[in-house]
Amino acid sequence: MLSKLKSFWRILRRLSGDDAYERYLRHHAEHHQGAMLLSKEAFFKQWQDEKWNGIKRCC
């Protein structure tokens, strides 16, 4: 039962974007060693800007 709850919680965090910074840190450690890390605040500002700025439609 506990593993199902943990799995559900991981999926929910992934869908909501709540784990985005944690995933960024893992990716950065694996692929961009030596490069400067973004702070949590800077990461979320960049993430929100990319998500909401610009044209977001098909036509």
PDB file of N, CA and C in Angstrom:
ATOM      1  N   MET A   1       0.825  -1.197   0.000  1.00  0.00           N
ATOM      2  CA  MET A   1       0.000   0.000   0.000  1.00  0.00           C
ATOM      3  C   MET A   1       0.871   1.263   0.000  1.00  0.00           C
ATOM      4  N   LEU A   2       1.921   1.245   0.817  1.00  0.00           N
ATOM      5  CA  LEU A   2       2.786   2.423   0.925  1.00  0.00           C
ATOM      6  C   LEU A   2       3.506   2.706  -0.385  1.00  0.00           C
ATOM      7  N   SER A   3       3.938   1.663  -1.076  1.00  0.00           N
ATOM      8  CA  SER A   3       4.630   1.880  -2.348  1.00  0.00           C
ATOM      9  C   SER A   3       3.679   2.450  -3.406  1.00  0.00           C
ATOM     10  N   LYS A   4       2.422   2.067  -3.352  1.00  0.00           N
ATOM     11  CA  LYS A   4       1.441   2.626  -4.284  1.00  0.00           C
ATOM     12  C   LYS A   4       1.223   4.111  -4.006  1.00  0.00           C
ATOM     13  N   LEU A   5       1.179   4.475  -2.728  1.00  0.00           N
ATOM     14  CA  LEU A   5       1.027   5.889  -2.369  1.00  0.00           C
ATOM     15  C   LEU A   5       2.241   6.694  -2.810  1.00  0.00           C
ATOM     16  N   LYS A   6       3.432   6.155  -2.604  1.00  0.00           N
ATOM     17  CA  LYS A   6       4.656   6.840  -3.023  1.00  0.00           C
ATOM     18  C   LYS A   6       4.688   6.999  -4.542  1.00  0.00           C
ATOM     19  N   SER A   7       4.292   5.969  -5.246  1.00  0.00           N
ATOM     20  CA  SER A   7       4.247   6.025  -6.700  1.00  0.00           C
ATOM     21  C   SER A   7       3.242   7.071  -7.171  1.00  0.00           C
ATOM     22  N   PHE A   8       2.078   7.080  -6.564  1.00  0.00           N
ATOM     23  CA  PHE A   8       1.056   8.075  -6.894  1.00  0.00           C
ATOM     24  C   PHE A   8       1.578   9.489  -6.625  1.00  0.00           C
ATOM     25  N   TRP A   9       2.239   9.667  -5.485  1.00  0.00           N
ATOM     26  CA  TRP A   9       2.765  10.981  -5.122  1.00  0.00           C
ATOM     27  C   TRP A   9       3.828  11.443  -6.125  1.00  0.00           C
ATOM     28  N   ARG A  10       4.715  10.538  -6.553  1.00  0.00           N
ATOM     29  CA  ARG A  10       5.733  10.874  -7.562  1.00  0.00           C
ATOM     30  C   ARG A  10       5.076  11.304  -8.876  1.00  0.00           C
ATOM     31  N   ILE A  11       4.057  10.571  -9.293  1.00  0.00           N
ATOM     32  CA  ILE A  11       3.350  10.899 -10.540  1.00  0.00           C
ATOM     33  C   ILE A  11       2.670  12.256 -10.418  1.00  0.00           C
ATOM     34  N   LEU A  12       2.022  12.497  -9.297  1.00  0.00           N
ATOM     35  CA  LEU A  12       1.342  13.771  -9.082  1.00  0.00           C
ATOM     36  C   LEU A  12       2.330  14.936  -9.095  1.00  0.00           C
ATOM     37  N   ARG A  13       3.479  14.768  -8.443  1.00  0.00           N
ATOM     38  CA  ARG A  13       4.495  15.821  -8.433  1.00  0.00           C
ATOM     39  C   ARG A  13       5.041  16.064  -9.831  1.00  0.00           C
ATOM     40  N   ARG A  14       5.216  15.001 -10.597  1.00  0.00           N
ATOM     41  CA  ARG A  14       5.724  15.141 -11.963  1.00  0.00           C
ATOM     42  C   ARG A  14       4.732  15.889 -12.851  1.00  0.00           C
ATOM     43  N   LEU A  15       3.464  15.522 -12.754  1.00  0.00           N
ATOM     44  CA  LEU A  15       2.438  16.168 -13.568  1.00  0.00           C
ATOM     45  C   LEU A  15       2.253  17.632 -13.213  1.00  0.00           C
ATOM     46  N   SER A  16       2.388  17.965 -11.942  1.00  0.00           N
ATOM     47  CA  SER A  16       2.190  19.347 -11.509  1.00  0.00           C
ATOM     48  C   SER A  16       3.436  20.205 -11.705  1.00  0.00           C
ATOM     49  N   GLY A  17       4.583  19.566 -11.954  1.00  0.00           N
ATOM     50  CA  GLY A  17       5.824  20.307 -12.116  1.00  0.00           C
ATOM     51  C   GLY A  17       6.523  20.582 -10.798  1.00  0.00           C
ATOM     52  N   ASP A  18       6.005  20.031  -9.721  1.00  0.00           N
ATOM     53  CA  ASP A  18       6.571  20.266  -8.398  1.00  0.00           C
ATOM     54  C   ASP A  18       7.980  19.707  -8.254  1.00  0.00           C
ATOM     55  N   ASP A  19       8.321  18.688  -9.020  1.00  0.00           N
ATOM     56  CA  ASP A  19       9.652  18.088  -8.932  1.00  0.00           C
ATOM     57  C   ASP A  19      10.599  18.592 -10.031  1.00  0.00           C
ATOM     58  N   ALA A  20      10.228  19.654 -10.720  1.00  0.00           N
ATOM     59  CA  ALA A  20      11.014  20.135 -11.861  1.00  0.00           C
ATOM     60  C   ALA A  20      12.432  20.528 -11.456  1.00  0.00           C
ATOM     61  N   TYR A  21      12.583  21.214 -10.335  1.00  0.00           N
ATOM     62  CA  TYR A  21      13.921  21.642  -9.919  1.00  0.00           C
ATOM     63  C   TYR A  21      14.782  20.434  -9.539  1.00  0.00           C
ATOM     64  N   GLU A  22      14.206  19.456  -8.891  1.00  0.00           N
ATOM     65  CA  GLU A  22      14.938  18.239  -8.533  1.00  0.00           C
ATOM     66  C   GLU A  22      15.403  17.502  -9.784  1.00  0.00           C
ATOM     67  N   ARG A  23      14.529  17.425 -10.793  1.00  0.00           N
ATOM     68  CA  ARG A  23      14.912  16.781 -12.051  1.00  0.00           C
ATOM     69  C   ARG A  23      15.998  17.587 -12.761  1.00  0.00           C
ATOM     70  N   TYR A  24      15.919  18.927 -12.687  1.00  0.00           N
ATOM     71  CA  TYR A  24      16.954  19.790 -13.261  1.00  0.00           C
ATOM     72  C   TYR A  24      18.302  19.528 -12.597  1.00  0.00           C
ATOM     73  N   LEU A  25      18.317  19.415 -11.258  1.00  0.00           N
ATOM     74  CA  LEU A  25      19.565  19.161 -10.546  1.00  0.00           C
ATOM     75  C   LEU A  25      20.176  17.819 -10.947  1.00  0.00           C
ATOM     76  N   ARG A  26      19.337  16.788 -11.075  1.00  0.00           N
ATOM     77  CA  ARG A  26      19.846  15.472 -11.500  1.00  0.00           C
ATOM     78  C   ARG A  26      20.408  15.539 -12.908  1.00  0.00           C
ATOM     79  N   HIS A  27      19.690  16.170 -13.820  1.00  0.00           N
ATOM     80  CA  HIS A  27      20.146  16.293 -15.202  1.00  0.00           C
ATOM     81  C   HIS A  27      21.450  17.082 -15.264  1.00  0.00           C
ATOM     82  N   HIS A  28      21.515  18.160 -14.518  1.00  0.00           N
ATOM     83  CA  HIS A  28      22.711  19.010 -14.517  1.00  0.00           C
ATOM     84  C   HIS A  28      23.923  18.224 -14.008  1.00  0.00           C
ATOM     85  N   ALA A  29      23.744  17.448 -12.950  1.00  0.00           N
ATOM     86  CA  ALA A  29      24.843  16.655 -12.395  1.00  0.00           C
ATOM     87  C   ALA A  29      25.333  15.598 -13.378  1.00  0.00           C
ATOM     88  N   GLU A  30      24.424  15.036 -14.165  1.00  0.00           N
ATOM     89  CA  GLU A  30      24.790  13.981 -15.108  1.00  0.00           C
ATOM     90  C   GLU A  30      25.399  14.522 -16.397  1.00  0.00           C
ATOM     91  N   HIS A  31      24.935  15.685 -16.865  1.00  0.00           N
ATOM     92  CA  HIS A  31      25.298  16.135 -18.201  1.00  0.00           C
ATOM     93  C   HIS A  31      26.055  17.464 -18.282  1.00  0.00           C
ATOM     94  N   HIS A  32      26.047  18.246 -17.223  1.00  0.00           N
ATOM     95  CA  HIS A  32      26.633  19.585 -17.308  1.00  0.00           C
ATOM     96  C   HIS A  32      27.549  19.889 -16.130  1.00  0.00           C
ATOM     97  N   GLN A  33      28.370  18.940 -15.753  1.00  0.00           N
ATOM     98  CA  GLN A  33      29.280  19.150 -14.627  1.00  0.00           C
ATOM     99  C   GLN A  33      30.213  20.308 -14.926  1.00  0.00           C
ATOM    100  N   GLY A  34      30.408  21.151 -13.929  1.00  0.00           N
ATOM    101  CA  GLY A  34      31.279  22.296 -14.093  1.00  0.00           C
ATOM    102  C   GLY A  34      30.557  23.552 -14.525  1.00  0.00           C
ATOM    103  N   ALA A  35      29.374  23.422 -15.099  1.00  0.00           N
ATOM    104  CA  ALA A  35      28.599  24.597 -15.495  1.00  0.00           C
ATOM    105  C   ALA A  35      27.863  25.143 -14.269  1.00  0.00           C
ATOM    106  N   MET A  36      27.564  26.427 -14.300  1.00  0.00           N
ATOM    107  CA  MET A  36      26.909  27.068 -13.166  1.00  0.00           C
ATOM    108  C   MET A  36      25.460  26.594 -13.026  1.00  0.00           C
ATOM    109  N   LEU A  37      25.080  26.291 -11.799  1.00  0.00           N
ATOM    110  CA  LEU A  37      23.705  25.901 -11.497  1.00  0.00           C
ATOM    111  C   LEU A  37      22.834  27.136 -11.336  1.00  0.00           C
ATOM    112  N   LEU A  38      21.584  27.030 -11.743  1.00  0.00           N
ATOM    113  CA  LEU A  38      20.622  28.087 -11.464  1.00  0.00           C
ATOM    114  C   LEU A  38      20.106  27.912 -10.033  1.00  0.00           C
ATOM    115  N   SER A  39      19.836  29.032  -9.369  1.00  0.00           N
ATOM    116  CA  SER A  39      19.179  28.942  -8.067  1.00  0.00           C
ATOM    117  C   SER A  39      17.752  28.454  -8.290  1.00  0.00           C
ATOM    118  N   LYS A  40      17.111  28.040  -7.220  1.00  0.00           N
ATOM    119  CA  LYS A  40      15.742  27.560  -7.350  1.00  0.00           C
ATOM    120  C   LYS A  40      14.834  28.670  -7.891  1.00  0.00           C
ATOM    121  N   GLU A  41      15.028  29.889  -7.408  1.00  0.00           N
ATOM    122  CA  GLU A  41      14.214  31.018  -7.860  1.00  0.00           C
ATOM    123  C   GLU A  41      14.458  31.314  -9.344  1.00  0.00           C
ATOM    124  N   ALA A  42      15.729  31.340  -9.747  1.00  0.00           N
ATOM    125  CA  ALA A  42      16.064  31.620 -11.148  1.00  0.00           C
ATOM    126  C   ALA A  42      15.539  30.513 -12.063  1.00  0.00           C
ATOM    127  N   PHE A  43      15.633  29.267 -11.606  1.00  0.00           N
ATOM    128  CA  PHE A  43      15.128  28.147 -12.403  1.00  0.00           C
ATOM    129  C   PHE A  43      13.628  28.292 -12.651  1.00  0.00           C
ATOM    130  N   PHE A  44      12.857  28.570 -11.592  1.00  0.00           N
ATOM    131  CA  PHE A  44      11.415  28.667 -11.760  1.00  0.00           C
ATOM    132  C   PHE A  44      11.021  29.886 -12.578  1.00  0.00           C
ATOM    133  N   LYS A  45      11.757  30.980 -12.456  1.00  0.00           N
ATOM    134  CA  LYS A  45      11.466  32.146 -13.290  1.00  0.00           C
ATOM    135  C   LYS A  45      11.686  31.798 -14.756  1.00  0.00           C
ATOM    136  N   GLN A  46      12.813  31.144 -15.062  1.00  0.00           N
ATOM    137  CA  GLN A  46      13.097  30.741 -16.442  1.00  0.00           C
ATOM    138  C   GLN A  46      12.056  29.749 -16.934  1.00  0.00           C
ATOM    139  N   TRP A  47      11.683  28.800 -16.100  1.00  0.00           N
ATOM    140  CA  TRP A  47      10.698  27.781 -16.450  1.00  0.00           C
ATOM    141  C   TRP A  47       9.348  28.422 -16.765  1.00  0.00           C
ATOM    142  N   GLN A  48       8.916  29.369 -15.939  1.00  0.00           N
ATOM    143  CA  GLN A  48       7.651  30.049 -16.169  1.00  0.00           C
ATOM    144  C   GLN A  48       7.714  30.928 -17.416  1.00  0.00           C
ATOM    145  N   ASP A  49       8.831  31.622 -17.615  1.00  0.00           N
ATOM    146  CA  ASP A  49       8.982  32.452 -18.810  1.00  0.00           C
ATOM    147  C   ASP A  49       8.899  31.621 -20.080  1.00  0.00           C
ATOM    148  N   GLU A  50       9.565  30.478 -20.093  1.00  0.00           N
ATOM    149  CA  GLU A  50       9.522  29.603 -21.268  1.00  0.00           C
ATOM    150  C   GLU A  50       8.121  29.050 -21.488  1.00  0.00           C
ATOM    151  N   LYS A  51       7.434  28.793 -20.400  1.00  0.00           N
ATOM    152  CA  LYS A  51       6.097  28.211 -20.502  1.00  0.00           C
ATOM    153  C   LYS A  51       5.077  29.221 -21.008  1.00  0.00           C
ATOM    154  N   TRP A  52       5.157  30.474 -20.579  1.00  0.00           N
ATOM    155  CA  TRP A  52       4.090  31.423 -20.841  1.00  0.00           C
ATOM    156  C   TRP A  52       4.423  32.526 -21.838  1.00  0.00           C
ATOM    157  N   ASN A  53       5.679  32.778 -22.146  1.00  0.00           N
ATOM    158  CA  ASN A  53       6.022  33.839 -23.088  1.00  0.00           C
ATOM    159  C   ASN A  53       6.017  33.321 -24.516  1.00  0.00           C
ATOM    160  N   GLY A  54       5.676  34.191 -25.441  1.00  0.00           N
ATOM    161  CA  GLY A  54       5.666  33.813 -26.845  1.00  0.00           C
ATOM    162  C   GLY A  54       4.298  33.340 -27.300  1.00  0.00           C
ATOM    163  N   ILE A  55       4.221  32.982 -28.536  1.00  0.00           N
ATOM    164  CA  ILE A  55       2.954  32.522 -29.116  1.00  0.00           C
ATOM    165  C   ILE A  55       2.760  31.050 -28.761  1.00  0.00           C
ATOM    166  N   LYS A  56       1.617  30.749 -28.193  1.00  0.00           N
ATOM    167  CA  LYS A  56       1.321  29.385 -27.760  1.00  0.00           C
ATOM    168  C   LYS A  56       0.051  28.878 -28.440  1.00  0.00           C
ATOM    169  N   ARG A  57       0.053  28.871 -29.740  1.00  0.00           N
ATOM    170  CA  ARG A  57      -1.107  28.357 -30.466  1.00  0.00           C
ATOM    171  C   ARG A  57      -0.630  27.667 -31.742  1.00  0.00           C
ATOM    172  N   CYS A  58      -1.475  26.937 -32.354  1.00  0.00           N
ATOM    173  CA  CYS A  58      -1.076  26.169 -33.522  1.00  0.00           C
ATOM    174  C   CYS A  58      -1.145  26.970 -34.826  1.00  0.00           C
ATOM    175  N   CYS A  59      -1.973  27.992 -34.895  1.00  0.00           N
ATOM    176  CA  CYS A  59      -2.187  28.693 -36.175  1.00  0.00           C
ATOM    177  C   CYS A  59      -1.892  30.178 -36.069  1.00  0.00           C
TER     178      CYS A  59
END
